[in-house]
Amino acid sequence: MIKAFAFTALGGALLVGGMTTPASATNYEYRTIVNTIYVTVSCFRGPFSEIIWDRPNPVFIDSLVSSGYTFPEAHAIGERVCTDPSTVDRPDMAIQVMHQIIAQNPPRR
């Protein structure tokens, strides 16, 4: 009886021991997810060079919302880009400011 019990215990230990993998066999996977964001930067500029009437157009806000920002975040970003004095009559600078904002505060989607 003890012989049968010892044989069963040894068989069980081999079975359980065979199920585990050694620590060196650990497999790590690093996945990189790249999301492409399309944002239409569109601001209403008033007739003056001063920033009096400047505001984001609805297409700008909608493209930010569809990219993953909430409406208040999108509106704040639009206001920030469109009322920046360095972007007046310089659309390339508005795009650069938008790139900086996305890098500092990416959408949560």
PDB file of N, CA and C in Angstrom:
ATOM      1  N   MET A   1       0.817  -1.188   0.000  1.00  0.00           N
ATOM      2  CA  MET A   1       0.000   0.000   0.000  1.00  0.00           C
ATOM      3  C   MET A   1       0.863   1.256   0.000  1.00  0.00           C
ATOM      4  N   ILE A   2       1.897   1.268   0.814  1.00  0.00           N
ATOM      5  CA  ILE A   2       2.773   2.435   0.859  1.00  0.00           C
ATOM      6  C   ILE A   2       3.506   2.574  -0.466  1.00  0.00           C
ATOM      7  N   LYS A   3       3.850   1.438  -1.065  1.00  0.00           N
ATOM      8  CA  LYS A   3       4.532   1.465  -2.351  1.00  0.00           C
ATOM      9  C   LYS A   3       3.620   2.083  -3.421  1.00  0.00           C
ATOM     10  N   ALA A   4       2.360   1.718  -3.437  1.00  0.00           N
ATOM     11  CA  ALA A   4       1.406   2.268  -4.402  1.00  0.00           C
ATOM     12  C   ALA A   4       1.187   3.756  -4.147  1.00  0.00           C
ATOM     13  N   PHE A   5       1.120   4.142  -2.865  1.00  0.00           N
ATOM     14  CA  PHE A   5       0.935   5.543  -2.509  1.00  0.00           C
ATOM     15  C   PHE A   5       2.142   6.376  -2.945  1.00  0.00           C
ATOM     16  N   ALA A   6       3.355   5.871  -2.726  1.00  0.00           N
ATOM     17  CA  ALA A   6       4.572   6.579  -3.119  1.00  0.00           C
ATOM     18  C   ALA A   6       4.644   6.704  -4.634  1.00  0.00           C
ATOM     19  N   PHE A   7       4.260   5.665  -5.352  1.00  0.00           N
ATOM     20  CA  PHE A   7       4.276   5.700  -6.816  1.00  0.00           C
ATOM     21  C   PHE A   7       3.272   6.724  -7.341  1.00  0.00           C
ATOM     22  N   THR A   8       2.099   6.781  -6.731  1.00  0.00           N
ATOM     23  CA  THR A   8       1.077   7.749  -7.132  1.00  0.00           C
ATOM     24  C   THR A   8       1.534   9.170  -6.834  1.00  0.00           C
ATOM     25  N   ALA A   9       2.144   9.383  -5.671  1.00  0.00           N
ATOM     26  CA  ALA A   9       2.630  10.711  -5.308  1.00  0.00           C
ATOM     27  C   ALA A   9       3.735  11.157  -6.251  1.00  0.00           C
ATOM     28  N   LEU A  10       4.648  10.242  -6.600  1.00  0.00           N
ATOM     29  CA  LEU A  10       5.730  10.572  -7.518  1.00  0.00           C
ATOM     30  C   LEU A  10       5.179  10.897  -8.907  1.00  0.00           C
ATOM     31  N   GLY A  11       4.194  10.119  -9.353  1.00  0.00           N
ATOM     32  CA  GLY A  11       3.566  10.381 -10.648  1.00  0.00           C
ATOM     33  C   GLY A  11       2.851  11.724 -10.662  1.00  0.00           C
ATOM     34  N   GLY A  12       2.174  12.049  -9.569  1.00  0.00           N
ATOM     35  CA  GLY A  12       1.487  13.338  -9.469  1.00  0.00           C
ATOM     36  C   GLY A  12       2.464  14.493  -9.456  1.00  0.00           C
ATOM     37  N   ALA A  13       3.602  14.319  -8.764  1.00  0.00           N
ATOM     38  CA  ALA A  13       4.611  15.376  -8.722  1.00  0.00           C
ATOM     39  C   ALA A  13       5.206  15.612 -10.103  1.00  0.00           C
ATOM     40  N   LEU A  14       5.439  14.544 -10.844  1.00  0.00           N
ATOM     41  CA  LEU A  14       5.968  14.701 -12.197  1.00  0.00           C
ATOM     42  C   LEU A  14       4.950  15.373 -13.109  1.00  0.00           C
ATOM     43  N   LEU A  15       3.685  15.023 -12.926  1.00  0.00           N
ATOM     44  CA  LEU A  15       2.636  15.608 -13.749  1.00  0.00           C
ATOM     45  C   LEU A  15       2.491  17.098 -13.470  1.00  0.00           C
ATOM     46  N   VAL A  16       2.452  17.460 -12.186  1.00  0.00           N
ATOM     47  CA  VAL A  16       2.316  18.869 -11.814  1.00  0.00           C
ATOM     48  C   VAL A  16       3.575  19.629 -12.184  1.00  0.00           C
ATOM     49  N   GLY A  17       4.731  19.040 -11.951  1.00  0.00           N
ATOM     50  CA  GLY A  17       5.991  19.692 -12.293  1.00  0.00           C
ATOM     51  C   GLY A  17       6.144  19.889 -13.784  1.00  0.00           C
ATOM     52  N   GLY A  18       5.593  19.007 -14.565  1.00  0.00           N
ATOM     53  CA  GLY A  18       5.683  19.133 -16.014  1.00  0.00           C
ATOM     54  C   GLY A  18       4.790  20.221 -16.574  1.00  0.00           C
ATOM     55  N   MET A  19       3.779  20.652 -15.808  1.00  0.00           N
ATOM     56  CA  MET A  19       2.862  21.688 -16.288  1.00  0.00           C
ATOM     57  C   MET A  19       3.453  23.087 -16.163  1.00  0.00           C
ATOM     58  N   THR A  20       4.359  23.279 -15.261  1.00  0.00           N
ATOM     59  CA  THR A  20       4.916  24.611 -15.073  1.00  0.00           C
ATOM     60  C   THR A  20       6.060  24.827 -16.039  1.00  0.00           C
ATOM     61  N   THR A  21       6.272  26.060 -16.415  1.00  0.00           N
ATOM     62  CA  THR A  21       7.372  26.384 -17.311  1.00  0.00           C
ATOM     63  C   THR A  21       8.463  27.065 -16.513  1.00  0.00           C
ATOM     64  N   PRO A  22       9.689  26.883 -16.888  1.00  0.00           N
ATOM     65  CA  PRO A  22      10.767  27.548 -16.167  1.00  0.00           C
ATOM     66  C   PRO A  22      10.700  29.062 -16.382  1.00  0.00           C
ATOM     67  N   ALA A  23      11.329  29.800 -15.477  1.00  0.00           N
ATOM     68  CA  ALA A  23      11.286  31.258 -15.538  1.00  0.00           C
ATOM     69  C   ALA A  23      11.944  31.792 -16.801  1.00  0.00           C
ATOM     70  N   SER A  24      12.893  31.065 -17.347  1.00  0.00           N
ATOM     71  CA  SER A  24      13.579  31.549 -18.545  1.00  0.00           C
ATOM     72  C   SER A  24      12.708  31.448 -19.792  1.00  0.00           C
ATOM     73  N   ALA A  25      11.606  30.742 -19.710  1.00  0.00           N
ATOM     74  CA  ALA A  25      10.741  30.576 -20.874  1.00  0.00           C
ATOM     75  C   ALA A  25       9.637  31.616 -20.932  1.00  0.00           C
ATOM     76  N   THR A  26       9.720  32.646 -20.119  1.00  0.00           N
ATOM     77  CA  THR A  26       8.696  33.681 -20.113  1.00  0.00           C
ATOM     78  C   THR A  26       8.752  34.460 -21.424  1.00  0.00           C
ATOM     79  N   ASN A  27       7.616  34.681 -22.004  1.00  0.00           N
ATOM     80  CA  ASN A  27       7.525  35.376 -23.282  1.00  0.00           C
ATOM     81  C   ASN A  27       6.860  36.725 -23.052  1.00  0.00           C
ATOM     82  N   TYR A  28       7.511  37.791 -23.461  1.00  0.00           N
ATOM     83  CA  TYR A  28       6.956  39.130 -23.332  1.00  0.00           C
ATOM     84  C   TYR A  28       6.609  39.654 -24.714  1.00  0.00           C
ATOM     85  N   GLU A  29       5.458  40.277 -24.813  1.00  0.00           N
ATOM     86  CA  GLU A  29       5.052  40.903 -26.064  1.00  0.00           C
ATOM     87  C   GLU A  29       4.831  42.381 -25.813  1.00  0.00           C
ATOM     88  N   TYR A  30       5.413  43.190 -26.634  1.00  0.00           N
ATOM     89  CA  TYR A  30       5.225  44.631 -26.562  1.00  0.00           C
ATOM     90  C   TYR A  30       4.536  45.061 -27.847  1.00  0.00           C
ATOM     91  N   ARG A  31       3.354  45.535 -27.708  1.00  0.00           N
ATOM     92  CA  ARG A  31       2.594  45.951 -28.885  1.00  0.00           C
ATOM     93  C   ARG A  31       2.539  47.466 -28.931  1.00  0.00           C
ATOM     94  N   THR A  32       2.759  47.977 -30.090  1.00  0.00           N
ATOM     95  CA  THR A  32       2.688  49.409 -30.297  1.00  0.00           C
ATOM     96  C   THR A  32       1.457  49.702 -31.141  1.00  0.00           C
ATOM     97  N   ILE A  33       0.606  50.551 -30.621  1.00  0.00           N
ATOM     98  CA  ILE A  33      -0.595  50.937 -31.347  1.00  0.00           C
ATOM     99  C   ILE A  33      -0.404  52.380 -31.806  1.00  0.00           C
ATOM    100  N   VAL A  34      -0.465  52.568 -33.079  1.00  0.00           N
ATOM    101  CA  VAL A  34      -0.308  53.899 -33.650  1.00  0.00           C
ATOM    102  C   VAL A  34      -1.652  54.318 -34.218  1.00  0.00           C
ATOM    103  N   ASN A  35      -2.171  55.381 -33.685  1.00  0.00           N
ATOM    104  CA  ASN A  35      -3.442  55.915 -34.167  1.00  0.00           C
ATOM    105  C   ASN A  35      -3.167  57.153 -35.008  1.00  0.00           C
ATOM    106  N   THR A  36      -3.768  57.215 -36.148  1.00  0.00           N
ATOM    107  CA  THR A  36      -3.658  58.393 -36.989  1.00  0.00           C
ATOM    108  C   THR A  36      -4.840  59.298 -36.687  1.00  0.00           C
ATOM    109  N   ILE A  37      -4.532  60.525 -36.394  1.00  0.00           N
ATOM    110  CA  ILE A  37      -5.562  61.501 -36.046  1.00  0.00           C
ATOM    111  C   ILE A  37      -5.647  62.520 -37.177  1.00  0.00           C
ATOM    112  N   TYR A  38      -6.848  62.738 -37.662  1.00  0.00           N
ATOM    113  CA  TYR A  38      -7.083  63.762 -38.672  1.00  0.00           C
ATOM    114  C   TYR A  38      -7.869  64.893 -38.024  1.00  0.00           C
ATOM    115  N   VAL A  39      -7.251  66.053 -37.949  1.00  0.00           N
ATOM    116  CA  VAL A  39      -7.888  67.221 -37.354  1.00  0.00           C
ATOM    117  C   VAL A  39      -7.885  68.329 -38.398  1.00  0.00           C
ATOM    118  N   THR A  40      -9.043  68.910 -38.618  1.00  0.00           N
ATOM    119  CA  THR A  40      -9.164  70.042 -39.532  1.00  0.00           C
ATOM    120  C   THR A  40      -9.029  71.316 -38.719  1.00  0.00           C
ATOM    121  N   VAL A  41      -7.913  72.006 -38.885  1.00  0.00           N
ATOM    122  CA  VAL A  41      -7.692  73.262 -38.167  1.00  0.00           C
ATOM    123  C   VAL A  41      -8.345  74.367 -38.988  1.00  0.00           C
ATOM    124  N   SER A  42      -9.414  74.935 -38.444  1.00  0.00           N
ATOM    125  CA  SER A  42     -10.170  75.958 -39.156  1.00  0.00           C
ATOM    126  C   SER A  42     -10.634  77.009 -38.160  1.00  0.00           C
ATOM    127  N   CYS A  43     -10.171  78.227 -38.361  1.00  0.00           N
ATOM    128  CA  CYS A  43     -10.521  79.317 -37.452  1.00  0.00           C
ATOM    129  C   CYS A  43     -11.197  80.447 -38.224  1.00  0.00           C
ATOM    130  N   PHE A  44     -12.162  81.075 -37.574  1.00  0.00           N
ATOM    131  CA  PHE A  44     -12.760  82.281 -38.135  1.00  0.00           C
ATOM    132  C   PHE A  44     -11.879  83.446 -37.716  1.00  0.00           C
ATOM    133  N   ARG A  45     -11.387  84.186 -38.696  1.00  0.00           N
ATOM    134  CA  ARG A  45     -10.577  85.365 -38.429  1.00  0.00           C
ATOM    135  C   ARG A  45     -11.392  86.590 -38.801  1.00  0.00           C
ATOM    136  N   GLY A  46     -11.439  87.511 -37.903  1.00  0.00           N
ATOM    137  CA  GLY A  46     -12.171  88.739 -38.178  1.00  0.00           C
ATOM    138  C   GLY A  46     -11.410  89.622 -39.154  1.00  0.00           C
ATOM    139  N   PRO A  47     -11.967  90.782 -39.464  1.00  0.00           N
ATOM    140  CA  PRO A  47     -11.328  91.673 -40.440  1.00  0.00           C
ATOM    141  C   PRO A  47     -10.095  92.394 -39.889  1.00  0.00           C
ATOM    142  N   PHE A  48      -9.834  92.258 -38.612  1.00  0.00           N
ATOM    143  CA  PHE A  48      -8.716  92.975 -37.997  1.00  0.00           C
ATOM    144  C   PHE A  48      -7.579  92.006 -37.689  1.00  0.00           C
ATOM    145  N   SER A  49      -6.389  92.547 -37.556  1.00  0.00           N
ATOM    146  CA  SER A  49      -5.262  91.692 -37.185  1.00  0.00           C
ATOM    147  C   SER A  49      -5.260  91.410 -35.680  1.00  0.00           C
ATOM    148  N   GLU A  50      -6.034  92.180 -34.935  1.00  0.00           N
ATOM    149  CA  GLU A  50      -6.166  91.911 -33.508  1.00  0.00           C
ATOM    150  C   GLU A  50      -7.054  90.681 -33.304  1.00  0.00           C
ATOM    151  N   ILE A  51      -6.893  90.065 -32.170  1.00  0.00           N
ATOM    152  CA  ILE A  51      -7.669  88.851 -31.875  1.00  0.00           C
ATOM    153  C   ILE A  51      -8.941  89.271 -31.141  1.00  0.00           C
ATOM    154  N   ILE A  52      -9.905  89.758 -31.903  1.00  0.00           N
ATOM    155  CA  ILE A  52     -11.164  90.210 -31.320  1.00  0.00           C
ATOM    156  C   ILE A  52     -12.269  89.204 -31.617  1.00  0.00           C
ATOM    157  N   TRP A  53     -12.396  88.836 -32.885  1.00  0.00           N
ATOM    158  CA  TRP A  53     -13.485  87.971 -33.315  1.00  0.00           C
ATOM    159  C   TRP A  53     -13.044  86.519 -33.513  1.00  0.00           C
ATOM    160  N   ASP A  54     -11.778  86.246 -33.337  1.00  0.00           N
ATOM    161  CA  ASP A  54     -11.230  84.930 -33.680  1.00  0.00           C
ATOM    162  C   ASP A  54     -11.820  83.833 -32.800  1.00  0.00           C
ATOM    163  N   ARG A  55     -12.219  82.760 -33.472  1.00  0.00           N
ATOM    164  CA  ARG A  55     -12.794  81.614 -32.763  1.00  0.00           C
ATOM    165  C   ARG A  55     -12.682  80.379 -33.661  1.00  0.00           C
ATOM    166  N   PRO A  56     -12.774  79.190 -33.088  1.00  0.00           N
ATOM    167  CA  PRO A  56     -12.714  77.973 -33.911  1.00  0.00           C
ATOM    168  C   PRO A  56     -14.021  77.764 -34.670  1.00  0.00           C
ATOM    169  N   ASN A  57     -13.902  77.302 -35.892  1.00  0.00           N
ATOM    170  CA  ASN A  57     -15.080  76.934 -36.676  1.00  0.00           C
ATOM    171  C   ASN A  57     -15.609  75.582 -36.193  1.00  0.00           C
ATOM    172  N   PRO A  58     -16.902  75.317 -36.403  1.00  0.00           N
ATOM    173  CA  PRO A  58     -17.476  74.042 -35.937  1.00  0.00           C
ATOM    174  C   PRO A  58     -16.781  72.803 -36.494  1.00  0.00           C
ATOM    175  N   VAL A  59     -16.274  72.873 -37.722  1.00  0.00           N
ATOM    176  CA  VAL A  59     -15.602  71.704 -38.293  1.00  0.00           C
ATOM    177  C   VAL A  59     -14.332  71.372 -37.503  1.00  0.00           C
ATOM    178  N   PHE A  60     -13.675  72.379 -36.949  1.00  0.00           N
ATOM    179  CA  PHE A  60     -12.485  72.180 -36.125  1.00  0.00           C
ATOM    180  C   PHE A  60     -12.858  71.462 -34.829  1.00  0.00           C
ATOM    181  N   ILE A  61     -13.893  71.938 -34.166  1.00  0.00           N
ATOM    182  CA  ILE A  61     -14.345  71.321 -32.910  1.00  0.00           C
ATOM    183  C   ILE A  61     -14.818  69.891 -33.164  1.00  0.00           C
ATOM    184  N   ASP A  62     -15.592  69.692 -34.227  1.00  0.00           N
ATOM    185  CA  ASP A  62     -16.103  68.350 -34.541  1.00  0.00           C
ATOM    186  C   ASP A  62     -14.979  67.365 -34.851  1.00  0.00           C
ATOM    187  N   SER A  63     -13.942  67.822 -35.549  1.00  0.00           N
ATOM    188  CA  SER A  63     -12.835  66.913 -35.855  1.00  0.00           C
ATOM    189  C   SER A  63     -12.053  66.554 -34.596  1.00  0.00           C
ATOM    190  N   LEU A  64     -11.959  67.469 -33.645  1.00  0.00           N
ATOM    191  CA  LEU A  64     -11.300  67.157 -32.371  1.00  0.00           C
ATOM    192  C   LEU A  64     -12.123  66.165 -31.559  1.00  0.00           C
ATOM    193  N   VAL A  65     -13.443  66.339 -31.553  1.00  0.00           N
ATOM    194  CA  VAL A  65     -14.321  65.412 -30.829  1.00  0.00           C
ATOM    195  C   VAL A  65     -14.260  64.027 -31.458  1.00  0.00           C
ATOM    196  N   SER A  66     -14.263  63.958 -32.782  1.00  0.00           N
ATOM    197  CA  SER A  66     -14.191  62.646 -33.433  1.00  0.00           C
ATOM    198  C   SER A  66     -12.820  62.002 -33.265  1.00  0.00           C
ATOM    199  N   SER A  67     -11.806  62.787 -32.920  1.00  0.00           N
ATOM    200  CA  SER A  67     -10.475  62.232 -32.662  1.00  0.00           C
ATOM    201  C   SER A  67     -10.351  61.647 -31.267  1.00  0.00           C
ATOM    202  N   GLY A  68     -11.282  61.969 -30.378  1.00  0.00           N
ATOM    203  CA  GLY A  68     -11.250  61.379 -29.049  1.00  0.00           C
ATOM    204  C   GLY A  68     -11.267  62.359 -27.896  1.00  0.00           C
ATOM    205  N   TYR A  69     -11.294  63.644 -28.181  1.00  0.00           N
ATOM    206  CA  TYR A  69     -11.386  64.633 -27.113  1.00  0.00           C
ATOM    207  C   TYR A  69     -12.848  64.823 -26.724  1.00  0.00           C
ATOM    208  N   THR A  70     -13.088  65.211 -25.484  1.00  0.00           N
ATOM    209  CA  THR A  70     -14.446  65.556 -25.078  1.00  0.00           C
ATOM    210  C   THR A  70     -14.778  66.930 -25.668  1.00  0.00           C
ATOM    211  N   PHE A  71     -16.067  67.276 -25.660  1.00  0.00           N
ATOM    212  CA  PHE A  71     -16.455  68.566 -26.240  1.00  0.00           C
ATOM    213  C   PHE A  71     -15.807  69.738 -25.505  1.00  0.00           C
ATOM    214  N   PRO A  72     -15.801  69.767 -24.155  1.00  0.00           N
ATOM    215  CA  PRO A  72     -15.125  70.894 -23.490  1.00  0.00           C
ATOM    216  C   PRO A  72     -13.627  70.960 -23.807  1.00  0.00           C
ATOM    217  N   GLU A  73     -12.970  69.788 -23.882  1.00  0.00           N
ATOM    218  CA  GLU A  73     -11.547  69.782 -24.244  1.00  0.00           C
ATOM    219  C   GLU A  73     -11.351  70.297 -25.662  1.00  0.00           C
ATOM    220  N   ALA A  74     -12.198  69.838 -26.582  1.00  0.00           N
ATOM    221  CA  ALA A  74     -12.084  70.253 -27.979  1.00  0.00           C
ATOM    222  C   ALA A  74     -12.304  71.755 -28.122  1.00  0.00           C
ATOM    223  N   HIS A  75     -13.270  72.275 -27.406  1.00  0.00           N
ATOM    224  CA  HIS A  75     -13.542  73.710 -27.484  1.00  0.00           C
ATOM    225  C   HIS A  75     -12.375  74.509 -26.907  1.00  0.00           C
ATOM    226  N   ALA A  76     -11.820  74.045 -25.795  1.00  0.00           N
ATOM    227  CA  ALA A  76     -10.675  74.737 -25.194  1.00  0.00           C
ATOM    228  C   ALA A  76      -9.460  74.698 -26.119  1.00  0.00           C
ATOM    229  N   ILE A  77      -9.227  73.556 -26.753  1.00  0.00           N
ATOM    230  CA  ILE A  77      -8.107  73.447 -27.693  1.00  0.00           C
ATOM    231  C   ILE A  77      -8.329  74.368 -28.884  1.00  0.00           C
ATOM    232  N   GLY A  78      -9.554  74.396 -29.404  1.00  0.00           N
ATOM    233  CA  GLY A  78      -9.866  75.279 -30.524  1.00  0.00           C
ATOM    234  C   GLY A  78      -9.658  76.741 -30.182  1.00  0.00           C
ATOM    235  N   GLU A  79     -10.114  77.134 -29.008  1.00  0.00           N
ATOM    236  CA  GLU A  79      -9.919  78.520 -28.569  1.00  0.00           C
ATOM    237  C   GLU A  79      -8.431  78.828 -28.412  1.00  0.00           C
ATOM    238  N   ARG A  80      -7.697  77.879 -27.876  1.00  0.00           N
ATOM    239  CA  ARG A  80      -6.260  78.090 -27.666  1.00  0.00           C
ATOM    240  C   ARG A  80      -5.527  78.274 -28.994  1.00  0.00           C
ATOM    241  N   VAL A  81      -5.866  77.456 -29.979  1.00  0.00           N
ATOM    242  CA  VAL A  81      -5.198  77.554 -31.281  1.00  0.00           C
ATOM    243  C   VAL A  81      -5.621  78.822 -32.011  1.00  0.00           C
ATOM    244  N   CYS A  82      -6.905  79.114 -32.009  1.00  0.00           N
ATOM    245  CA  CYS A  82      -7.409  80.232 -32.810  1.00  0.00           C
ATOM    246  C   CYS A  82      -7.130  81.598 -32.192  1.00  0.00           C
ATOM    247  N   THR A  83      -6.947  81.662 -30.887  1.00  0.00           N
ATOM    248  CA  THR A  83      -6.686  82.959 -30.259  1.00  0.00           C
ATOM    249  C   THR A  83      -5.214  83.163 -29.924  1.00  0.00           C
ATOM    250  N   ASP A  84      -4.363  82.274 -30.385  1.00  0.00           N
ATOM    251  CA  ASP A  84      -2.923  82.431 -30.176  1.00  0.00           C
ATOM    252  C   ASP A  84      -2.423  83.554 -31.093  1.00  0.00           C
ATOM    253  N   PRO A  85      -1.788  84.588 -30.546  1.00  0.00           N
ATOM    254  CA  PRO A  85      -1.336  85.703 -31.389  1.00  0.00           C
ATOM    255  C   PRO A  85      -0.331  85.286 -32.467  1.00  0.00           C
ATOM    256  N   SER A  86       0.406  84.215 -32.234  1.00  0.00           N
ATOM    257  CA  SER A  86       1.402  83.795 -33.226  1.00  0.00           C
ATOM    258  C   SER A  86       0.774  83.118 -34.441  1.00  0.00           C
ATOM    259  N   THR A  87      -0.509  82.780 -34.368  1.00  0.00           N
ATOM    260  CA  THR A  87      -1.164  82.095 -35.489  1.00  0.00           C
ATOM    261  C   THR A  87      -1.967  83.029 -36.390  1.00  0.00           C
ATOM    262  N   VAL A  88      -1.989  84.313 -36.093  1.00  0.00           N
ATOM    263  CA  VAL A  88      -2.754  85.258 -36.907  1.00  0.00           C
ATOM    264  C   VAL A  88      -2.119  85.347 -38.295  1.00  0.00           C
ATOM    265  N   ASP A  89      -2.909  85.024 -39.311  1.00  0.00           N
ATOM    266  CA  ASP A  89      -2.483  85.022 -40.714  1.00  0.00           C
ATOM    267  C   ASP A  89      -1.298  84.091 -40.970  1.00  0.00           C
ATOM    268  N   ARG A  90      -1.130  83.073 -40.144  1.00  0.00           N
ATOM    269  CA  ARG A  90      -0.064  82.083 -40.320  1.00  0.00           C
ATOM    270  C   ARG A  90      -0.632  80.687 -40.072  1.00  0.00           C
ATOM    271  N   PRO A  91      -1.271  80.085 -41.077  1.00  0.00           N
ATOM    272  CA  PRO A  91      -1.874  78.765 -40.878  1.00  0.00           C
ATOM    273  C   PRO A  91      -0.853  77.677 -40.545  1.00  0.00           C
ATOM    274  N   ASP A  92       0.381  77.817 -41.040  1.00  0.00           N
ATOM    275  CA  ASP A  92       1.402  76.824 -40.710  1.00  0.00           C
ATOM    276  C   ASP A  92       1.725  76.837 -39.219  1.00  0.00           C
ATOM    277  N   MET A  93       1.678  78.017 -38.621  1.00  0.00           N
ATOM    278  CA  MET A  93       1.920  78.126 -37.178  1.00  0.00           C
ATOM    279  C   MET A  93       0.751  77.537 -36.389  1.00  0.00           C
ATOM    280  N   ALA A  94      -0.471  77.677 -36.893  1.00  0.00           N
ATOM    281  CA  ALA A  94      -1.630  77.069 -36.226  1.00  0.00           C
ATOM    282  C   ALA A  94      -1.503  75.550 -36.224  1.00  0.00           C
ATOM    283  N   ILE A  95      -1.017  74.992 -37.321  1.00  0.00           N
ATOM    284  CA  ILE A  95      -0.817  73.540 -37.387  1.00  0.00           C
ATOM    285  C   ILE A  95       0.281  73.115 -36.420  1.00  0.00           C
ATOM    286  N   GLN A  96       1.338  73.915 -36.321  1.00  0.00           N
ATOM    287  CA  GLN A  96       2.420  73.595 -35.386  1.00  0.00           C
ATOM    288  C   GLN A  96       1.925  73.646 -33.938  1.00  0.00           C
ATOM    289  N   VAL A  97       1.112  74.637 -33.605  1.00  0.00           N
ATOM    290  CA  VAL A  97       0.537  74.716 -32.255  1.00  0.00           C
ATOM    291  C   VAL A  97      -0.351  73.507 -31.994  1.00  0.00           C
ATOM    292  N   MET A  98      -1.109  73.091 -32.999  1.00  0.00           N
ATOM    293  CA  MET A  98      -1.973  71.913 -32.847  1.00  0.00           C
ATOM    294  C   MET A  98      -1.143  70.656 -32.618  1.00  0.00           C
ATOM    295  N   HIS A  99      -0.031  70.506 -33.319  1.00  0.00           N
ATOM    296  CA  HIS A  99       0.861  69.362 -33.105  1.00  0.00           C
ATOM    297  C   HIS A  99       1.403  69.352 -31.675  1.00  0.00           C
ATOM    298  N   GLN A 100       1.761  70.520 -31.157  1.00  0.00           N
ATOM    299  CA  GLN A 100       2.269  70.611 -29.786  1.00  0.00           C
ATOM    300  C   GLN A 100       1.196  70.216 -28.778  1.00  0.00           C
ATOM    301  N   ILE A 101      -0.025  70.654 -29.011  1.00  0.00           N
ATOM    302  CA  ILE A 101      -1.120  70.323 -28.094  1.00  0.00           C
ATOM    303  C   ILE A 101      -1.387  68.824 -28.103  1.00  0.00           C
ATOM    304  N   ILE A 102      -1.401  68.203 -29.279  1.00  0.00           N
ATOM    305  CA  ILE A 102      -1.641  66.759 -29.361  1.00  0.00           C
ATOM    306  C   ILE A 102      -0.511  65.993 -28.686  1.00  0.00           C
ATOM    307  N   ALA A 103       0.731  66.469 -28.828  1.00  0.00           N
ATOM    308  CA  ALA A 103       1.860  65.794 -28.183  1.00  0.00           C
ATOM    309  C   ALA A 103       1.783  65.918 -26.665  1.00  0.00           C
ATOM    310  N   GLN A 104       1.347  67.066 -26.155  1.00  0.00           N
ATOM    311  CA  GLN A 104       1.269  67.281 -24.711  1.00  0.00           C
ATOM    312  C   GLN A 104       0.029  66.655 -24.092  1.00  0.00           C
ATOM    313  N   ASN A 105      -1.062  66.629 -24.837  1.00  0.00           N
ATOM    314  CA  ASN A 105      -2.331  66.126 -24.320  1.00  0.00           C
ATOM    315  C   ASN A 105      -3.011  65.288 -25.398  1.00  0.00           C
ATOM    316  N   PRO A 106      -2.575  64.031 -25.568  1.00  0.00           N
ATOM    317  CA  PRO A 106      -3.177  63.207 -26.622  1.00  0.00           C
ATOM    318  C   PRO A 106      -4.620  62.845 -26.292  1.00  0.00           C
ATOM    319  N   PRO A 107      -5.420  62.551 -27.317  1.00  0.00           N
ATOM    320  CA  PRO A 107      -6.805  62.138 -27.051  1.00  0.00           C
ATOM    321  C   PRO A 107      -6.838  60.826 -26.289  1.00  0.00           C
ATOM    322  N   ARG A 108      -7.877  60.607 -25.534  1.00  0.00           N
ATOM    323  CA  ARG A 108      -7.971  59.433 -24.653  1.00  0.00           C
ATOM    324  C   ARG A 108      -8.613  58.238 -25.317  1.00  0.00           C
ATOM    325  N   ARG A 109      -8.850  58.304 -26.570  1.00  0.00           N
ATOM    326  CA  ARG A 109      -9.523  57.202 -27.243  1.00  0.00           C
ATOM    327  C   ARG A 109      -8.546  56.157 -27.661  1.00  0.00           C
TER     328      ARG A 109
END
